[in-house]
Protein backbone atom coordinates (compact mmCIF):
# COMPACT_ATOMS: atom_id res chain seq x y z
CA MET A 1 3.57 -22.36 3.00
CA ASP A 2 5.91 -23.79 0.35
CA THR A 3 9.25 -25.51 0.98
CA ARG A 4 11.20 -22.29 0.66
CA GLY A 5 8.92 -20.57 3.17
CA ARG A 6 9.20 -23.39 5.69
CA LEU A 7 12.97 -23.43 5.32
CA LEU A 8 13.15 -19.67 5.92
CA GLU A 9 10.84 -19.93 8.91
CA TYR A 10 13.08 -22.58 10.50
CA LEU A 11 16.27 -20.58 9.88
CA LYS A 12 14.67 -17.49 11.46
CA LYS A 13 13.57 -19.53 14.45
CA GLU A 14 17.20 -20.37 15.12
CA SER A 15 17.99 -16.64 15.43
CA GLY A 16 21.21 -16.62 13.44
CA GLY A 17 22.50 -19.90 14.85
CA TRP A 18 23.82 -22.74 12.75
CA VAL A 19 21.49 -25.47 11.51
CA SER A 20 22.78 -28.58 9.80
CA GLY A 21 21.52 -29.59 6.39
CA GLU A 22 20.48 -32.92 7.88
CA ALA A 23 18.35 -31.20 10.54
CA LEU A 24 16.71 -28.97 7.93
CA SER A 25 16.04 -31.98 5.72
CA ARG A 26 14.43 -33.87 8.59
CA GLU A 27 12.44 -30.92 9.92
CA ILE A 28 11.01 -29.85 6.55
CA GLY A 29 10.66 -33.32 5.06
CA VAL A 30 12.71 -32.87 1.90
CA THR A 31 16.05 -34.19 0.67
CA ARG A 32 19.30 -32.41 1.49
CA SER A 33 19.61 -31.66 -2.22
CA ALA A 34 16.24 -29.88 -2.07
CA VAL A 35 17.44 -27.96 0.99
CA TRP A 36 20.45 -26.72 -0.94
CA LYS A 37 18.38 -25.74 -4.00
CA ASN A 38 16.04 -23.70 -1.82
CA ILE A 39 18.96 -22.07 0.00
CA VAL A 40 20.23 -20.93 -3.41
CA ARG A 41 16.79 -19.51 -4.25
CA LEU A 42 16.58 -17.65 -0.95
CA ARG A 43 20.00 -16.14 -1.59
CA GLY A 44 18.70 -15.05 -4.99
CA ASP A 45 15.85 -13.30 -3.19
CA GLY A 46 18.38 -11.29 -1.19
CA TYR A 47 18.69 -13.29 2.05
CA VAL A 48 22.27 -13.61 3.30
CA ILE A 49 22.69 -17.23 4.36
CA ASP A 50 26.13 -18.40 5.46
CA SER A 51 27.20 -22.00 4.99
CA SER A 52 30.01 -23.92 6.63
CA PRO A 53 31.10 -27.59 6.40
CA GLY A 54 30.23 -29.37 9.62
CA LYS A 55 27.98 -26.52 10.81
CA GLY A 56 25.34 -26.16 8.11
CA TYR A 57 23.52 -22.93 7.41
CA SER A 58 22.92 -19.65 9.25
CA LEU A 59 20.66 -16.74 8.29
CA SER A 60 22.70 -13.59 8.93
CA ARG A 61 20.64 -10.89 7.19
CA THR A 62 17.09 -10.42 5.96
CA PRO A 63 16.68 -8.01 3.04
CA ASP A 64 14.42 -4.96 3.16
CA MET A 65 12.25 -6.30 0.36
CA LEU A 66 8.53 -6.80 -0.04
CA LEU A 67 8.86 -10.57 -0.38
CA PRO A 68 5.75 -12.68 0.26
CA ASN A 69 7.32 -14.58 3.16
CA GLU A 70 8.30 -11.31 4.83
CA ILE A 71 4.78 -9.91 4.41
CA TRP A 72 3.14 -13.05 5.78
CA GLU A 73 5.37 -13.11 8.85
CA GLY A 74 3.51 -11.17 11.53
CA LEU A 75 0.64 -10.18 9.23
CA GLU A 76 -2.47 -9.62 11.38
CA THR A 77 -5.23 -10.03 8.82
CA GLU A 78 -7.70 -12.76 7.96
CA VAL A 79 -8.07 -12.15 4.21
CA PHE A 80 -6.01 -9.21 2.90
CA GLY A 81 -2.60 -10.51 1.84
CA ARG A 82 -3.30 -13.91 3.37
CA GLY A 83 -3.76 -15.74 0.10
CA GLU A 84 -1.70 -15.23 -3.01
CA ILE A 85 0.90 -12.47 -3.03
CA VAL A 86 2.27 -11.84 -6.50
CA TYR A 87 5.76 -10.39 -6.23
CA PHE A 88 7.81 -8.58 -8.90
CA ARG A 89 11.32 -7.21 -8.73
CA GLU A 90 10.11 -4.89 -11.47
CA THR A 91 6.87 -4.47 -13.35
CA ASP A 92 5.17 -1.76 -15.33
CA SER A 93 2.32 -1.18 -12.86
CA THR A 94 1.06 -3.23 -9.93
CA ASN A 95 -2.47 -1.99 -10.69
CA ALA A 96 -2.21 -3.30 -14.26
CA ARG A 97 -1.05 -6.69 -13.03
CA ALA A 98 -3.78 -6.81 -10.37
CA ARG A 99 -6.45 -6.00 -12.96
CA GLU A 100 -5.26 -8.93 -15.07
CA LEU A 101 -5.52 -11.24 -12.08
CA ALA A 102 -8.95 -9.89 -11.13
CA ASP A 103 -10.20 -10.45 -14.69
CA GLN A 104 -9.05 -14.07 -14.33
CA GLY A 105 -11.06 -14.49 -11.14
CA ALA A 106 -8.46 -13.85 -8.42
CA PRO A 107 -10.21 -13.71 -5.03
CA GLU A 108 -10.62 -10.74 -2.76
CA GLY A 109 -7.50 -10.04 -0.75
CA THR A 110 -5.04 -10.99 -3.50
CA LEU A 111 -2.04 -8.67 -3.28
CA VAL A 112 0.41 -7.54 -5.98
CA VAL A 113 3.67 -5.92 -4.89
CA ALA A 114 6.77 -4.72 -6.70
CA GLU A 115 10.18 -3.38 -5.78
CA SER A 116 9.97 -0.92 -8.67
CA GLN A 117 7.60 0.15 -11.44
CA THR A 118 8.49 1.35 -14.91
CA LYS A 119 5.06 2.89 -15.51
CA GLY A 120 3.73 3.61 -12.04
CA ARG A 121 0.48 5.54 -12.32
CA GLY A 122 -1.45 8.09 -10.33
CA ARG A 123 -4.78 9.75 -11.01
CA LYS A 124 -5.57 11.07 -14.51
CA GLY A 125 -2.72 9.06 -16.04
CA ARG A 126 0.02 10.85 -14.13
CA SER A 127 3.22 8.92 -13.47
CA TRP A 128 4.32 7.82 -9.99
CA PHE A 129 8.05 7.93 -9.28
CA SER A 130 8.86 4.28 -8.44
CA PRO A 131 12.60 3.67 -7.97
CA PRO A 132 13.73 0.22 -6.78
CA GLY A 133 13.93 -0.70 -3.12
CA THR A 134 12.75 2.57 -1.61
CA GLY A 135 8.95 2.75 -1.76
CA ILE A 136 5.82 0.67 -1.35
CA TYR A 137 4.07 -0.18 -4.60
CA ALA A 138 1.15 -2.45 -3.79
CA SER A 139 -2.26 -3.21 -5.29
CA LEU A 140 -5.06 -5.06 -3.53
CA ILE A 141 -8.00 -6.82 -5.22
CA LEU A 142 -11.40 -6.21 -3.60
CA ARG A 143 -14.85 -7.52 -4.48
CA PRO A 144 -17.09 -5.28 -2.33
CA ASP A 145 -20.84 -5.57 -2.09
CA LEU A 146 -21.35 -1.97 -3.18
CA SER A 147 -23.04 -0.21 -6.06
CA PRO A 148 -20.75 1.57 -8.53
CA ASP A 149 -21.73 5.01 -7.19
CA GLU A 150 -20.53 3.90 -3.73
CA ALA A 151 -17.08 2.92 -5.01
CA PRO A 152 -15.39 6.18 -3.84
CA ARG A 153 -15.97 5.03 -0.27
CA ILE A 154 -13.15 2.53 -0.73
CA THR A 155 -10.75 5.39 -1.43
CA PHE A 156 -11.69 6.92 1.94
CA VAL A 157 -11.09 3.55 3.64
CA THR A 158 -7.68 3.29 1.98
CA ALA A 159 -6.65 6.85 2.85
CA ILE A 160 -7.48 6.31 6.52
CA SER A 161 -5.57 3.02 6.56
CA ALA A 162 -2.43 4.46 4.96
CA ALA A 163 -2.48 7.57 7.17
CA GLU A 164 -3.00 5.59 10.37
CA ALA A 165 -0.23 3.14 9.46
CA LEU A 166 2.22 6.03 9.16
CA LEU A 167 0.90 7.75 12.28
CA SER A 168 1.31 4.62 14.39
CA LEU A 169 4.81 3.74 13.19
CA THR A 170 6.50 7.09 12.54
CA LEU A 171 4.70 9.60 14.82
CA LEU A 172 4.92 12.13 11.99
CA ASP A 173 2.36 14.86 11.32
CA VAL A 174 0.30 12.92 8.77
CA ALA A 175 -2.88 14.26 7.16
CA ILE A 176 -5.24 13.34 4.31
CA LYS A 177 -5.94 15.75 1.46
CA TRP A 178 -9.21 15.12 -0.37
CA PRO A 179 -9.68 12.83 -2.10
CA ASN A 180 -6.68 10.50 -2.05
CA ASP A 181 -3.37 12.09 -1.03
CA ILE A 182 -1.45 11.37 2.17
CA LEU A 183 0.61 14.34 3.29
CA ILE A 184 3.39 15.04 5.78
CA LYS A 185 3.71 18.77 6.51
CA GLU A 186 1.56 19.42 3.43
CA LYS A 187 3.93 17.46 1.17
CA LYS A 188 2.72 14.30 -0.55
CA VAL A 189 4.16 11.06 0.80
CA ALA A 190 1.61 8.62 -0.61
CA GLY A 191 -1.12 8.41 -3.21
CA ILE A 192 -4.01 6.08 -3.94
CA LEU A 193 -5.24 4.89 -7.33
CA THR A 194 -8.59 3.09 -7.26
CA GLU A 195 -9.82 1.37 -10.41
CA ILE A 196 -13.14 -0.38 -10.89
CA SER A 197 -14.77 -2.97 -13.11
CA ALA A 198 -18.55 -2.81 -12.84
CA GLU A 199 -21.88 -3.38 -14.52
CA MET A 200 -24.82 -0.98 -14.24
CA ASP A 201 -25.70 -1.81 -10.64
CA VAL A 202 -22.94 -4.05 -9.28
CA ILE A 203 -19.18 -3.93 -8.84
CA ASP A 204 -17.32 -6.92 -10.25
CA TYR A 205 -14.02 -5.94 -8.62
CA MET A 206 -11.93 -3.01 -7.50
CA VAL A 207 -8.16 -2.66 -7.55
CA VAL A 208 -6.77 -0.35 -4.88
CA GLY A 209 -3.20 0.77 -5.53
CA LEU A 210 -0.98 2.41 -2.95
CA GLY A 211 2.25 4.21 -3.78
CA MET A 212 4.28 5.44 -0.81
CA ASN A 213 7.68 7.12 -0.59
CA VAL A 214 9.46 5.44 2.32
CA ASN A 215 13.24 5.28 2.11
CA ASN A 216 13.79 7.72 -0.77
CA PRO A 217 16.85 9.85 0.14
CA HIS A 218 15.77 12.47 -2.40
CA LEU A 219 13.12 13.01 -5.06
CA PRO A 220 13.29 14.31 -8.66
CA HIS A 221 13.54 18.06 -9.05
CA ASP A 222 10.10 18.39 -10.67
CA ILE A 223 8.31 17.01 -7.60
CA ALA A 224 10.76 17.83 -4.79
CA GLU A 225 8.88 20.97 -3.68
CA ARG A 226 5.54 19.20 -3.21
CA ALA A 227 6.54 15.64 -2.26
CA THR A 228 8.54 13.95 0.49
CA SER A 229 9.44 10.57 1.97
CA VAL A 230 9.45 9.02 5.43
CA LEU A 231 13.26 8.97 5.37
CA MET A 232 13.48 12.63 4.41
CA GLU A 233 11.16 13.61 7.27
CA THR A 234 12.63 11.40 10.01
CA GLY A 235 16.27 11.05 8.98
CA GLY A 236 16.08 7.27 9.44
CA GLU A 237 15.14 4.29 7.29
CA PHE A 238 12.01 2.27 8.02
CA GLN A 239 11.18 -1.34 7.22
CA ARG A 240 8.86 -1.06 4.27
CA VAL A 241 7.32 -4.46 4.93
CA LYS A 242 6.36 -3.37 8.44
CA ILE A 243 4.49 -0.35 7.10
CA LEU A 244 2.80 -2.51 4.46
CA ARG A 245 1.65 -5.07 7.04
CA GLU A 246 0.21 -2.32 9.25
CA TYR A 247 -1.55 -0.75 6.27
CA LEU A 248 -3.13 -4.10 5.32
CA ARG A 249 -4.28 -4.68 8.89
CA ARG A 250 -6.01 -1.32 9.07
CA GLN A 251 -7.39 -1.61 5.53
CA GLU A 252 -9.11 -4.87 6.42
CA ARG A 253 -10.41 -3.41 9.68
CA TYR A 254 -12.00 -0.33 8.08
CA TYR A 255 -13.29 -2.39 5.15
CA GLN A 256 -15.13 -4.49 7.72
CA VAL A 257 -16.44 -1.36 9.44
CA LEU A 258 -17.78 -0.15 6.09
CA ARG A 259 -19.54 -3.47 5.49
CA GLU A 260 -21.04 -3.77 8.96
CA SER A 261 -21.72 -0.16 9.99
CA GLY A 262 -21.87 1.78 6.75
CA PHE A 263 -19.95 4.82 5.56
CA GLY A 264 -20.69 7.06 8.56
CA PRO A 265 -17.93 5.83 10.91
CA VAL A 266 -15.42 5.76 8.04
CA LEU A 267 -16.23 9.33 7.03
CA GLY A 268 -16.07 10.44 10.65
CA ARG A 269 -12.55 9.10 11.05
CA TRP A 270 -11.54 10.57 7.67
CA LYS A 271 -12.67 14.02 8.84
CA GLU A 272 -10.49 13.68 11.94
CA LEU A 273 -7.45 13.05 9.74
CA THR A 274 -8.03 15.48 6.86
CA ASN A 275 -6.41 18.89 6.55
CA THR A 276 -8.69 20.02 3.71
CA ILE A 277 -11.79 21.30 5.51
CA GLY A 278 -11.59 25.02 6.22
CA LYS A 279 -8.79 25.61 3.69
CA ARG A 280 -8.93 28.02 0.77
CA VAL A 281 -8.29 25.92 -2.32
CA MET A 282 -8.42 25.81 -6.07
CA VAL A 283 -10.09 22.72 -7.50
CA GLU A 284 -9.01 21.78 -11.00
CA MET A 285 -11.42 19.66 -13.01
CA ILE A 286 -11.24 18.38 -16.57
CA ASP A 287 -12.88 21.43 -18.15
CA ARG A 288 -13.03 24.05 -15.38
CA ARG A 289 -11.65 25.24 -12.08
CA TYR A 290 -13.16 26.70 -8.94
CA THR A 291 -11.61 28.66 -6.06
CA GLY A 292 -13.08 28.97 -2.61
CA VAL A 293 -13.14 27.63 0.93
CA VAL A 294 -13.85 23.97 1.67
CA THR A 295 -16.74 24.02 4.12
CA GLY A 296 -17.07 20.27 4.50
CA VAL A 297 -17.61 16.87 2.96
CA ASP A 298 -21.16 15.55 2.58
CA PRO A 299 -22.35 12.08 3.69
CA ASP A 300 -21.34 10.66 0.30
CA GLY A 301 -17.78 12.02 0.49
CA VAL A 302 -18.45 14.85 -1.97
CA LEU A 303 -16.40 18.01 -1.35
CA ILE A 304 -18.42 21.13 -0.53
CA LEU A 305 -16.78 24.31 -1.80
CA GLN A 306 -18.05 27.84 -1.17
CA GLU A 307 -16.82 30.30 -3.77
CA GLU A 308 -15.92 33.87 -2.91
CA GLY A 309 -19.21 35.07 -4.36
CA GLY A 310 -21.12 32.76 -2.03
CA GLN A 311 -22.05 30.07 -4.56
CA VAL A 312 -21.75 26.52 -3.21
CA ARG A 313 -20.26 23.82 -5.42
CA ARG A 314 -20.42 20.04 -4.90
CA ILE A 315 -17.18 18.53 -6.20
CA LEU A 316 -17.32 14.82 -7.04
CA SER A 317 -13.83 14.61 -8.50
CA GLY A 318 -10.93 16.98 -9.03
CA ASP A 319 -7.44 18.03 -7.97
CA VAL A 320 -7.30 20.17 -4.84
CA ILE A 321 -4.52 22.76 -4.64
CA PHE A 322 -4.08 24.74 -1.44
CA VAL A 323 -4.09 28.47 -2.12
């Protein structure tokens, strides 16, 4: 932990009480001038820190921001988010930044987060509405020991992790729509964008991006009928960092299950959380579309669709629309 992180940790430990600059200097092992400089930086990050001659400093408010120190505090993982967390007030796309880091050799578990995105992306190049301070925009670097054709399994792991995080913290009616949408009452609250760099038989790295609407009071007109936010469904704001920490904890857990026990247990849990099986749907692909009833998902995560004429289709990738 750097000087700023240690200073913040000490101020939080005092629970809003006053701490003298001399005590902070002695406790952290830096000069009083360095204490002051780091107080200024913390204020720039959004922390409200009061100062008073003869009393020192007091932390009176912690911002609802996805700051590295806030993520680390209480994070129950061993690898995911434990190392470097790259934080942006604004960036074009956390996935784009994570890919750059992965190309440079960033280790598994490196996390990129942003308060807002100017070019947030979903599947097939679609944009993801990413206003500042309301959602979770996070991308995780993975280096799984999987073949490229097994890469979609990571999307299932991520969907379970995001859905369970919301279920545990909000008690909302959360479900997964194949392959990568998280829904509340059949409206999209989160999406997953998985990107891969691989050779013929080995994955170099994967970047798993999560976009989640948390404290959005409203959404743009063009998506309002099919999307929602945690705030809109509950009527109350949630700490985004708390949801992110819970997501990372579950993501690491199911990633370990995948490594140690294979895809079976992951797919089993996914089936318990999905609302897609048994539904009549239209599947839109790049050059065609099919309509029918989803009869299941095979052991590889491929969607099984039975058309009205009885023909069975195996869908590897496509957009599912409930009919």
